[in-house]
Structure formats: structure tokens, C-alpha cells
Amino acid sequence: HSHTHSNDHSNENNNDSNKSLFNKITTAGWLNLLADSMHNFTDGIAIGASFTHHKSNGLATVITVLAHEIPHEIGDFTILIESGLTKFEAIKAQFFTAIAALLGTLCVITFDSSNYIKDIIIAITSGGFLYIATCNMIPTLLSSKTNNIYQIALEFFAFISG
């Protein structure tokens, strides 16, 4: 008695590979890309305003934004993978959201507004970074069960130094 089974599935369509990027991604993925684009655009505005204010301010803003964006983009990458994209597609999608930062920077540099407007942009951006830091760090610090004064002082110093 012989039994064979053919694994030739060449007539079947692989729906995921035939779908375009636009049809493949879930609503959550689209919302993530939209929010990330807007976020990156405002980062670009902050960078542009900082550089037009003073080069050292611009460099400090770039470093701050990069430090903030690395873990942020890793999280976004994970969301995009969970939303149905391949790793390569998620990287491509994130690249396009990063272009929004360049557009934000170009807007500020091209439409060279008054120093008053730039100061407002820098103040709002600084406040945003402080808000993010305190909303993410303070609850973690407060939930710590340590009574070690050295650890408390170290965490306090790290927090106030940024």
C-alpha cells in the first residue's frame, strides 16, 4: 500500500504577499503611522527653531530628540509588525514618517519667523520633553520600594540632570 501526498500548493494565492502595503496594514498601524508622522513633524519644528536660535541649542535638541526617538521608534516598529507588516515594510514605513521631521525643520527654516515665535516653539518643546520625562519616570521612581539613600540620591540626580 502506497500513499503519497502532494505539497504542491502553487495554485494557491498567498494573500499576505499579494496585498499592497495600503491594504495589508491594520487600522492601528495606520493610526500609529499618522501619529508618528505628526510627532516627527513637531520634532522637526523644534530642531529647526533651535538651530535658527543658536547652533548649540540646535545640537542639544537633536541629541535630545535622538535619545527620545530610539526607544520610541523601536516601539513603533513593534506595533507595525503586529499590524501586519513585514520587518522590511515596517522599516520602509518608518522611514517615510521620518521625512516629516525634515519637513518640520524645513518649514521653520524656510518661513523664518520672528525670534518671539521661535522662543514659543522652544518653550513648548521643552515643556513637552519635561512632560514625557515626568510622566514616564516619576511613577517608576515612586513605585520603587528601596530605602537605600544612595539609590534614592542617584535616581534624584539622574532625574534633575535630564
N, C-alpha and C. Protein backbone atom coordinates (compact mmCIF):
# COMPACT_ATOMS: atom_id res chain seq x y z
N HIS A 1 0.84 -1.17 0.00
CA HIS A 1 0.00 0.00 0.00
C HIS A 1 0.88 1.23 0.00
N SER A 2 0.70 2.02 -0.99
CA SER A 2 1.49 3.24 -1.01
C SER A 2 0.57 4.44 -0.92
N HIS A 3 1.07 5.43 -0.21
CA HIS A 3 0.28 6.64 -0.01
C HIS A 3 1.18 7.84 -0.25
N THR A 4 0.76 8.72 -1.09
CA THR A 4 1.54 9.92 -1.33
C THR A 4 0.67 11.14 -1.12
N HIS A 5 1.32 12.20 -0.75
CA HIS A 5 0.61 13.46 -0.56
C HIS A 5 1.43 14.55 -1.23
N SER A 6 0.79 15.27 -2.07
CA SER A 6 1.49 16.34 -2.78
C SER A 6 1.42 17.62 -1.96
N ASN A 7 2.57 18.23 -1.80
CA ASN A 7 2.62 19.51 -1.10
C ASN A 7 2.70 20.67 -2.07
N ASP A 8 2.33 20.43 -3.30
CA ASP A 8 2.40 21.48 -4.31
C ASP A 8 1.17 22.37 -4.16
N HIS A 9 1.38 23.51 -3.63
CA HIS A 9 0.29 24.48 -3.44
C HIS A 9 0.49 25.68 -4.36
N SER A 10 1.04 25.44 -5.55
CA SER A 10 1.39 26.54 -6.44
C SER A 10 0.16 27.28 -6.95
N ASN A 11 -1.00 26.65 -6.93
CA ASN A 11 -2.20 27.32 -7.40
C ASN A 11 -2.84 28.19 -6.34
N GLU A 12 -2.42 28.03 -5.10
CA GLU A 12 -2.99 28.83 -4.02
C GLU A 12 -2.34 30.20 -4.00
N ASN A 13 -3.11 31.20 -3.67
CA ASN A 13 -2.57 32.55 -3.54
C ASN A 13 -2.17 32.80 -2.11
N ASN A 14 -1.02 33.37 -1.93
CA ASN A 14 -0.61 33.81 -0.61
C ASN A 14 -1.13 35.24 -0.46
N ASN A 15 -2.24 35.39 0.25
CA ASN A 15 -2.91 36.69 0.32
C ASN A 15 -2.03 37.78 0.90
N ASP A 16 -1.21 37.46 1.92
CA ASP A 16 -0.40 38.49 2.55
C ASP A 16 0.65 39.06 1.60
N SER A 17 1.26 38.22 0.78
CA SER A 17 2.31 38.73 -0.10
C SER A 17 1.73 39.45 -1.30
N ASN A 18 0.47 39.16 -1.67
CA ASN A 18 -0.14 39.81 -2.81
C ASN A 18 -0.82 41.12 -2.45
N LYS A 19 -1.05 41.36 -1.19
CA LYS A 19 -1.69 42.60 -0.77
C LYS A 19 -0.70 43.75 -0.84
N SER A 20 -1.21 44.91 -1.23
CA SER A 20 -0.34 46.08 -1.20
C SER A 20 -0.18 46.52 0.24
N LEU A 21 0.83 47.32 0.47
CA LEU A 21 1.10 47.83 1.81
C LEU A 21 -0.13 48.54 2.37
N PHE A 22 -0.86 49.24 1.51
CA PHE A 22 -2.03 50.01 1.94
C PHE A 22 -3.18 49.10 2.40
N ASN A 23 -3.29 47.93 1.79
CA ASN A 23 -4.37 47.01 2.17
C ASN A 23 -3.96 46.05 3.27
N LYS A 24 -2.68 45.96 3.53
CA LYS A 24 -2.14 44.97 4.45
C LYS A 24 -2.18 45.43 5.90
N ILE A 25 -1.99 46.71 6.14
CA ILE A 25 -1.82 47.24 7.49
C ILE A 25 -3.18 47.45 8.16
N THR A 26 -3.22 47.19 9.45
CA THR A 26 -4.47 47.36 10.20
C THR A 26 -4.70 48.83 10.53
N THR A 27 -5.89 49.11 11.04
CA THR A 27 -6.23 50.48 11.43
C THR A 27 -5.26 50.99 12.50
N ALA A 28 -4.91 50.14 13.45
CA ALA A 28 -3.96 50.55 14.50
C ALA A 28 -2.61 50.93 13.89
N GLY A 29 -2.19 50.21 12.87
CA GLY A 29 -0.95 50.53 12.20
C GLY A 29 -1.02 51.88 11.51
N TRP A 30 -2.14 52.15 10.83
CA TRP A 30 -2.31 53.45 10.18
C TRP A 30 -2.32 54.59 11.19
N LEU A 31 -3.03 54.38 12.30
CA LEU A 31 -3.05 55.41 13.34
C LEU A 31 -1.66 55.66 13.90
N ASN A 32 -0.89 54.58 14.07
CA ASN A 32 0.48 54.73 14.55
C ASN A 32 1.33 55.53 13.57
N LEU A 33 1.20 55.24 12.28
CA LEU A 33 1.97 55.97 11.27
C LEU A 33 1.57 57.44 11.22
N LEU A 34 0.27 57.72 11.34
CA LEU A 34 -0.19 59.11 11.34
C LEU A 34 0.33 59.86 12.57
N ALA A 35 0.18 59.24 13.74
CA ALA A 35 0.65 59.88 14.97
C ALA A 35 2.17 60.07 14.95
N ASP A 36 2.89 59.08 14.45
CA ASP A 36 4.34 59.18 14.39
C ASP A 36 4.77 60.27 13.42
N SER A 37 4.07 60.40 12.30
CA SER A 37 4.39 61.46 11.34
C SER A 37 4.18 62.84 11.97
N MET A 38 3.07 63.00 12.67
CA MET A 38 2.80 64.28 13.33
C MET A 38 3.84 64.55 14.41
N HIS A 39 4.17 63.53 15.16
CA HIS A 39 5.18 63.65 16.22
C HIS A 39 6.53 64.05 15.62
N ASN A 40 6.91 63.37 14.54
CA ASN A 40 8.19 63.68 13.89
C ASN A 40 8.19 65.08 13.29
N PHE A 41 7.05 65.52 12.76
CA PHE A 41 6.95 66.87 12.21
C PHE A 41 7.20 67.90 13.31
N THR A 42 6.59 67.70 14.48
CA THR A 42 6.81 68.64 15.59
C THR A 42 8.25 68.57 16.10
N ASP A 43 8.84 67.37 16.08
CA ASP A 43 10.27 67.28 16.43
C ASP A 43 11.10 68.10 15.46
N GLY A 44 10.75 68.03 14.17
CA GLY A 44 11.47 68.80 13.17
C GLY A 44 11.30 70.30 13.38
N ILE A 45 10.11 70.73 13.77
CA ILE A 45 9.88 72.14 14.08
C ILE A 45 10.78 72.57 15.24
N ALA A 46 10.85 71.72 16.26
CA ALA A 46 11.70 72.04 17.42
C ALA A 46 13.16 72.13 17.03
N ILE A 47 13.60 71.20 16.21
CA ILE A 47 15.00 71.21 15.77
C ILE A 47 15.29 72.45 14.93
N GLY A 48 14.39 72.76 14.00
CA GLY A 48 14.59 73.94 13.17
C GLY A 48 14.62 75.23 13.98
N ALA A 49 13.67 75.36 14.91
CA ALA A 49 13.62 76.57 15.75
C ALA A 49 14.88 76.67 16.61
N SER A 50 15.33 75.56 17.13
CA SER A 50 16.53 75.57 17.97
C SER A 50 17.77 75.96 17.18
N PHE A 51 17.91 75.43 15.97
CA PHE A 51 19.08 75.77 15.16
C PHE A 51 19.07 77.23 14.71
N THR A 52 17.87 77.76 14.41
CA THR A 52 17.83 79.16 13.99
C THR A 52 18.04 80.09 15.18
N HIS A 53 17.80 79.59 16.38
CA HIS A 53 18.03 80.38 17.59
C HIS A 53 19.52 80.44 17.88
N HIS A 54 20.15 79.25 17.92
CA HIS A 54 21.61 79.17 18.14
C HIS A 54 22.04 77.75 17.81
N LYS A 55 23.22 77.58 17.22
CA LYS A 55 23.68 76.25 16.82
C LYS A 55 23.82 75.29 17.99
N SER A 56 24.27 75.78 19.13
CA SER A 56 24.40 74.88 20.29
C SER A 56 23.02 74.42 20.78
N ASN A 57 22.02 75.29 20.70
CA ASN A 57 20.65 74.88 21.04
C ASN A 57 20.17 73.81 20.08
N GLY A 58 20.47 74.00 18.80
CA GLY A 58 20.07 73.02 17.80
C GLY A 58 20.70 71.67 18.03
N LEU A 59 21.98 71.67 18.34
CA LEU A 59 22.68 70.41 18.59
C LEU A 59 22.12 69.71 19.84
N ALA A 60 21.87 70.48 20.87
CA ALA A 60 21.28 69.91 22.09
C ALA A 60 19.90 69.32 21.80
N THR A 61 19.11 69.99 20.98
CA THR A 61 17.78 69.49 20.63
C THR A 61 17.87 68.21 19.81
N VAL A 62 18.81 68.17 18.86
CA VAL A 62 18.99 66.96 18.05
C VAL A 62 19.35 65.77 18.94
N ILE A 63 20.27 65.97 19.86
CA ILE A 63 20.68 64.89 20.76
C ILE A 63 19.50 64.43 21.62
N THR A 64 18.74 65.40 22.13
CA THR A 64 17.57 65.07 22.96
C THR A 64 16.53 64.30 22.15
N VAL A 65 16.25 64.78 20.94
CA VAL A 65 15.26 64.11 20.10
C VAL A 65 15.72 62.70 19.74
N LEU A 66 17.00 62.54 19.40
CA LEU A 66 17.51 61.21 19.07
C LEU A 66 17.41 60.26 20.26
N ALA A 67 17.76 60.75 21.44
CA ALA A 67 17.68 59.91 22.64
C ALA A 67 16.23 59.50 22.91
N HIS A 68 15.32 60.39 22.62
CA HIS A 68 13.90 60.09 22.82
C HIS A 68 13.37 59.17 21.72
N GLU A 69 13.82 59.38 20.49
CA GLU A 69 13.26 58.67 19.35
C GLU A 69 13.70 57.21 19.25
N ILE A 70 14.87 56.87 19.71
CA ILE A 70 15.34 55.49 19.56
C ILE A 70 14.37 54.50 20.21
N PRO A 71 14.06 54.63 21.49
CA PRO A 71 13.09 53.67 22.06
C PRO A 71 11.69 53.85 21.48
N HIS A 72 11.34 55.08 21.13
CA HIS A 72 10.03 55.36 20.55
C HIS A 72 9.86 54.62 19.22
N GLU A 73 10.87 54.69 18.37
CA GLU A 73 10.79 54.04 17.06
C GLU A 73 10.83 52.52 17.18
N ILE A 74 11.52 51.99 18.18
CA ILE A 74 11.51 50.54 18.40
C ILE A 74 10.09 50.09 18.75
N GLY A 75 9.43 50.87 19.59
CA GLY A 75 8.03 50.57 19.92
C GLY A 75 7.12 50.66 18.71
N ASP A 76 7.31 51.69 17.90
CA ASP A 76 6.51 51.85 16.68
C ASP A 76 6.76 50.69 15.71
N PHE A 77 8.00 50.26 15.60
CA PHE A 77 8.35 49.13 14.74
C PHE A 77 7.58 47.89 15.18
N THR A 78 7.52 47.66 16.47
CA THR A 78 6.80 46.51 17.00
C THR A 78 5.31 46.61 16.69
N ILE A 79 4.75 47.79 16.85
CA ILE A 79 3.33 47.99 16.53
C ILE A 79 3.06 47.71 15.06
N LEU A 80 3.95 48.16 14.19
CA LEU A 80 3.76 47.93 12.76
C LEU A 80 3.87 46.46 12.39
N ILE A 81 4.77 45.74 13.03
CA ILE A 81 4.88 44.29 12.81
C ILE A 81 3.58 43.61 13.26
N GLU A 82 3.09 44.01 14.44
CA GLU A 82 1.83 43.44 14.95
C GLU A 82 0.64 43.84 14.09
N SER A 83 0.79 44.91 13.31
CA SER A 83 -0.30 45.40 12.45
C SER A 83 -0.29 44.75 11.07
N GLY A 84 0.62 43.80 10.86
CA GLY A 84 0.59 43.03 9.63
C GLY A 84 1.72 43.28 8.65
N LEU A 85 2.65 44.17 8.98
CA LEU A 85 3.75 44.44 8.06
C LEU A 85 4.91 43.49 8.31
N THR A 86 5.69 43.26 7.26
CA THR A 86 6.94 42.52 7.44
C THR A 86 7.94 43.48 8.06
N LYS A 87 9.08 42.96 8.48
CA LYS A 87 10.11 43.82 9.06
C LYS A 87 10.58 44.87 8.06
N PHE A 88 10.79 44.46 6.83
CA PHE A 88 11.25 45.39 5.81
C PHE A 88 10.19 46.47 5.53
N GLU A 89 8.93 46.06 5.45
CA GLU A 89 7.86 47.03 5.22
C GLU A 89 7.74 48.01 6.38
N ALA A 90 7.91 47.52 7.60
CA ALA A 90 7.84 48.40 8.77
C ALA A 90 8.98 49.41 8.76
N ILE A 91 10.17 48.98 8.36
CA ILE A 91 11.31 49.90 8.26
C ILE A 91 11.03 50.95 7.19
N LYS A 92 10.51 50.53 6.04
CA LYS A 92 10.18 51.49 4.98
C LYS A 92 9.13 52.49 5.46
N ALA A 93 8.11 52.01 6.14
CA ALA A 93 7.05 52.89 6.63
C ALA A 93 7.61 53.90 7.63
N GLN A 94 8.49 53.45 8.50
CA GLN A 94 9.08 54.36 9.47
C GLN A 94 10.00 55.37 8.81
N PHE A 95 10.65 54.97 7.74
CA PHE A 95 11.49 55.92 7.01
C PHE A 95 10.63 57.07 6.48
N PHE A 96 9.45 56.75 5.96
CA PHE A 96 8.58 57.80 5.43
C PHE A 96 8.04 58.70 6.53
N THR A 97 7.83 58.16 7.72
CA THR A 97 7.40 59.04 8.82
C THR A 97 8.54 59.95 9.26
N ALA A 98 9.78 59.49 9.10
CA ALA A 98 10.93 60.31 9.48
C ALA A 98 11.08 61.52 8.56
N ILE A 99 10.60 61.40 7.33
CA ILE A 99 10.65 62.52 6.41
C ILE A 99 9.85 63.71 6.97
N ALA A 100 8.84 63.43 7.77
CA ALA A 100 8.05 64.50 8.38
C ALA A 100 8.92 65.39 9.27
N ALA A 101 9.93 64.83 9.91
CA ALA A 101 10.84 65.64 10.73
C ALA A 101 11.62 66.62 9.85
N LEU A 102 12.05 66.15 8.70
CA LEU A 102 12.75 67.04 7.77
C LEU A 102 11.82 68.16 7.29
N LEU A 103 10.58 67.80 7.02
CA LEU A 103 9.62 68.81 6.57
C LEU A 103 9.37 69.86 7.66
N GLY A 104 9.27 69.40 8.91
CA GLY A 104 9.09 70.34 10.02
C GLY A 104 10.27 71.28 10.16
N THR A 105 11.47 70.74 10.03
CA THR A 105 12.67 71.56 10.10
C THR A 105 12.70 72.57 8.95
N LEU A 106 12.38 72.10 7.75
CA LEU A 106 12.39 72.99 6.59
C LEU A 106 11.35 74.10 6.70
N CYS A 107 10.20 73.78 7.28
CA CYS A 107 9.16 74.80 7.47
C CYS A 107 9.67 75.96 8.31
N VAL A 108 10.33 75.62 9.42
CA VAL A 108 10.82 76.67 10.31
C VAL A 108 11.95 77.47 9.65
N ILE A 109 12.85 76.76 8.99
CA ILE A 109 13.99 77.44 8.37
C ILE A 109 13.53 78.28 7.17
N THR A 110 12.60 77.74 6.37
CA THR A 110 12.13 78.44 5.18
C THR A 110 11.29 79.67 5.54
N PHE A 111 10.36 79.48 6.47
CA PHE A 111 9.49 80.59 6.88
C PHE A 111 10.08 81.21 8.14
N ASP A 112 11.24 81.77 7.97
CA ASP A 112 11.99 82.33 9.10
C ASP A 112 11.13 83.35 9.84
N SER A 113 10.56 82.89 10.92
CA SER A 113 9.66 83.74 11.69
C SER A 113 10.44 84.52 12.74
N SER A 114 9.73 85.29 13.49
CA SER A 114 10.37 86.14 14.49
C SER A 114 10.99 85.29 15.60
N ASN A 115 11.91 85.90 16.34
CA ASN A 115 12.51 85.22 17.48
C ASN A 115 11.46 84.91 18.54
N TYR A 116 10.43 85.75 18.63
CA TYR A 116 9.36 85.52 19.60
C TYR A 116 8.67 84.19 19.32
N ILE A 117 8.35 83.93 18.06
CA ILE A 117 7.70 82.66 17.69
C ILE A 117 8.63 81.49 17.96
N LYS A 118 9.91 81.64 17.63
CA LYS A 118 10.89 80.57 17.87
C LYS A 118 11.03 80.29 19.36
N ASP A 119 11.01 81.35 20.17
CA ASP A 119 11.09 81.16 21.62
C ASP A 119 9.88 80.40 22.14
N ILE A 120 8.72 80.69 21.60
CA ILE A 120 7.50 79.97 22.00
C ILE A 120 7.61 78.50 21.60
N ILE A 121 8.08 78.25 20.38
CA ILE A 121 8.24 76.86 19.91
C ILE A 121 9.21 76.12 20.83
N ILE A 122 10.32 76.74 21.17
CA ILE A 122 11.32 76.09 22.04
C ILE A 122 10.73 75.85 23.43
N ALA A 123 9.98 76.79 23.95
CA ALA A 123 9.37 76.62 25.28
C ALA A 123 8.36 75.48 25.27
N ILE A 124 7.52 75.42 24.26
CA ILE A 124 6.53 74.34 24.16
C ILE A 124 7.23 72.99 24.02
N THR A 125 8.26 72.94 23.19
CA THR A 125 9.01 71.69 23.01
C THR A 125 9.68 71.25 24.30
N SER A 126 10.29 72.19 24.99
CA SER A 126 10.94 71.86 26.26
C SER A 126 9.92 71.35 27.27
N GLY A 127 8.79 72.01 27.32
CA GLY A 127 7.71 71.56 28.21
C GLY A 127 7.23 70.16 27.84
N GLY A 128 7.17 69.88 26.54
CA GLY A 128 6.76 68.55 26.10
C GLY A 128 7.73 67.47 26.54
N PHE A 129 9.02 67.77 26.42
CA PHE A 129 10.03 66.80 26.87
C PHE A 129 9.97 66.60 28.38
N LEU A 130 9.77 67.68 29.12
CA LEU A 130 9.63 67.56 30.58
C LEU A 130 8.39 66.74 30.94
N TYR A 131 7.31 66.97 30.24
CA TYR A 131 6.07 66.21 30.48
C TYR A 131 6.29 64.73 30.24
N ILE A 132 6.91 64.40 29.11
CA ILE A 132 7.18 62.99 28.79
C ILE A 132 8.06 62.36 29.86
N ALA A 133 9.11 63.07 30.23
CA ALA A 133 10.04 62.54 31.23
C ALA A 133 9.35 62.32 32.57
N THR A 134 8.59 63.30 33.01
CA THR A 134 7.96 63.16 34.33
C THR A 134 6.84 62.13 34.31
N CYS A 135 6.09 62.05 33.24
CA CYS A 135 5.00 61.06 33.17
C CYS A 135 5.53 59.64 33.11
N ASN A 136 6.69 59.47 32.53
CA ASN A 136 7.27 58.13 32.43
C ASN A 136 8.16 57.78 33.62
N MET A 137 8.84 58.76 34.17
CA MET A 137 9.83 58.47 35.20
C MET A 137 9.29 58.57 36.63
N ILE A 138 8.52 59.57 36.92
CA ILE A 138 8.05 59.78 38.29
C ILE A 138 7.28 58.57 38.83
N PRO A 139 6.31 58.02 38.08
CA PRO A 139 5.62 56.84 38.62
C PRO A 139 6.55 55.67 38.92
N THR A 140 7.55 55.48 38.07
CA THR A 140 8.52 54.40 38.29
C THR A 140 9.33 54.68 39.55
N LEU A 141 9.77 55.91 39.70
CA LEU A 141 10.56 56.26 40.89
C LEU A 141 9.73 56.13 42.16
N LEU A 142 8.47 56.55 42.10
CA LEU A 142 7.61 56.49 43.28
C LEU A 142 7.23 55.06 43.66
N SER A 143 7.19 54.18 42.67
CA SER A 143 6.82 52.79 42.97
C SER A 143 8.00 51.98 43.50
N SER A 144 9.19 52.57 43.48
CA SER A 144 10.37 51.88 43.97
C SER A 144 10.25 51.61 45.46
N LYS A 145 10.60 50.42 45.87
CA LYS A 145 10.49 50.01 47.27
C LYS A 145 11.81 50.16 48.02
N THR A 146 12.76 50.85 47.41
CA THR A 146 14.08 50.93 48.03
C THR A 146 14.12 51.95 49.17
N ASN A 147 14.87 51.61 50.18
CA ASN A 147 15.14 52.53 51.29
C ASN A 147 16.60 52.95 51.29
N ASN A 148 17.32 52.52 50.28
CA ASN A 148 18.74 52.81 50.15
C ASN A 148 18.91 54.28 49.77
N ILE A 149 19.48 55.07 50.65
CA ILE A 149 19.64 56.51 50.42
C ILE A 149 20.53 56.79 49.22
N TYR A 150 21.53 55.94 48.99
CA TYR A 150 22.41 56.09 47.84
C TYR A 150 21.60 55.94 46.54
N GLN A 151 20.75 54.93 46.46
CA GLN A 151 19.93 54.69 45.27
C GLN A 151 18.95 55.84 45.05
N ILE A 152 18.34 56.33 46.12
CA ILE A 152 17.41 57.45 46.01
C ILE A 152 18.13 58.70 45.51
N ALA A 153 19.32 58.98 46.06
CA ALA A 153 20.10 60.15 45.63
C ALA A 153 20.52 60.01 44.17
N LEU A 154 20.91 58.81 43.77
CA LEU A 154 21.33 58.57 42.39
C LEU A 154 20.16 58.80 41.43
N GLU A 155 18.98 58.28 41.75
CA GLU A 155 17.81 58.47 40.91
C GLU A 155 17.41 59.94 40.85
N PHE A 156 17.46 60.62 41.97
CA PHE A 156 17.14 62.06 42.01
C PHE A 156 18.11 62.85 41.14
N PHE A 157 19.41 62.57 41.27
CA PHE A 157 20.42 63.26 40.48
C PHE A 157 20.21 62.99 38.98
N ALA A 158 19.94 61.75 38.64
CA ALA A 158 19.72 61.40 37.23
C ALA A 158 18.50 62.14 36.69
N PHE A 159 17.46 62.25 37.50
CA PHE A 159 16.25 62.93 37.07
C PHE A 159 16.48 64.42 36.83
N ILE A 160 17.14 65.10 37.78
CA ILE A 160 17.31 66.55 37.64
C ILE A 160 18.36 66.90 36.58
N SER A 161 19.25 65.96 36.27
CA SER A 161 20.26 66.25 35.24
C SER A 161 19.76 65.92 33.84
N GLY A 162 18.58 65.33 33.77
CA GLY A 162 17.97 65.10 32.45
C GLY A 162 18.33 63.79 31.86
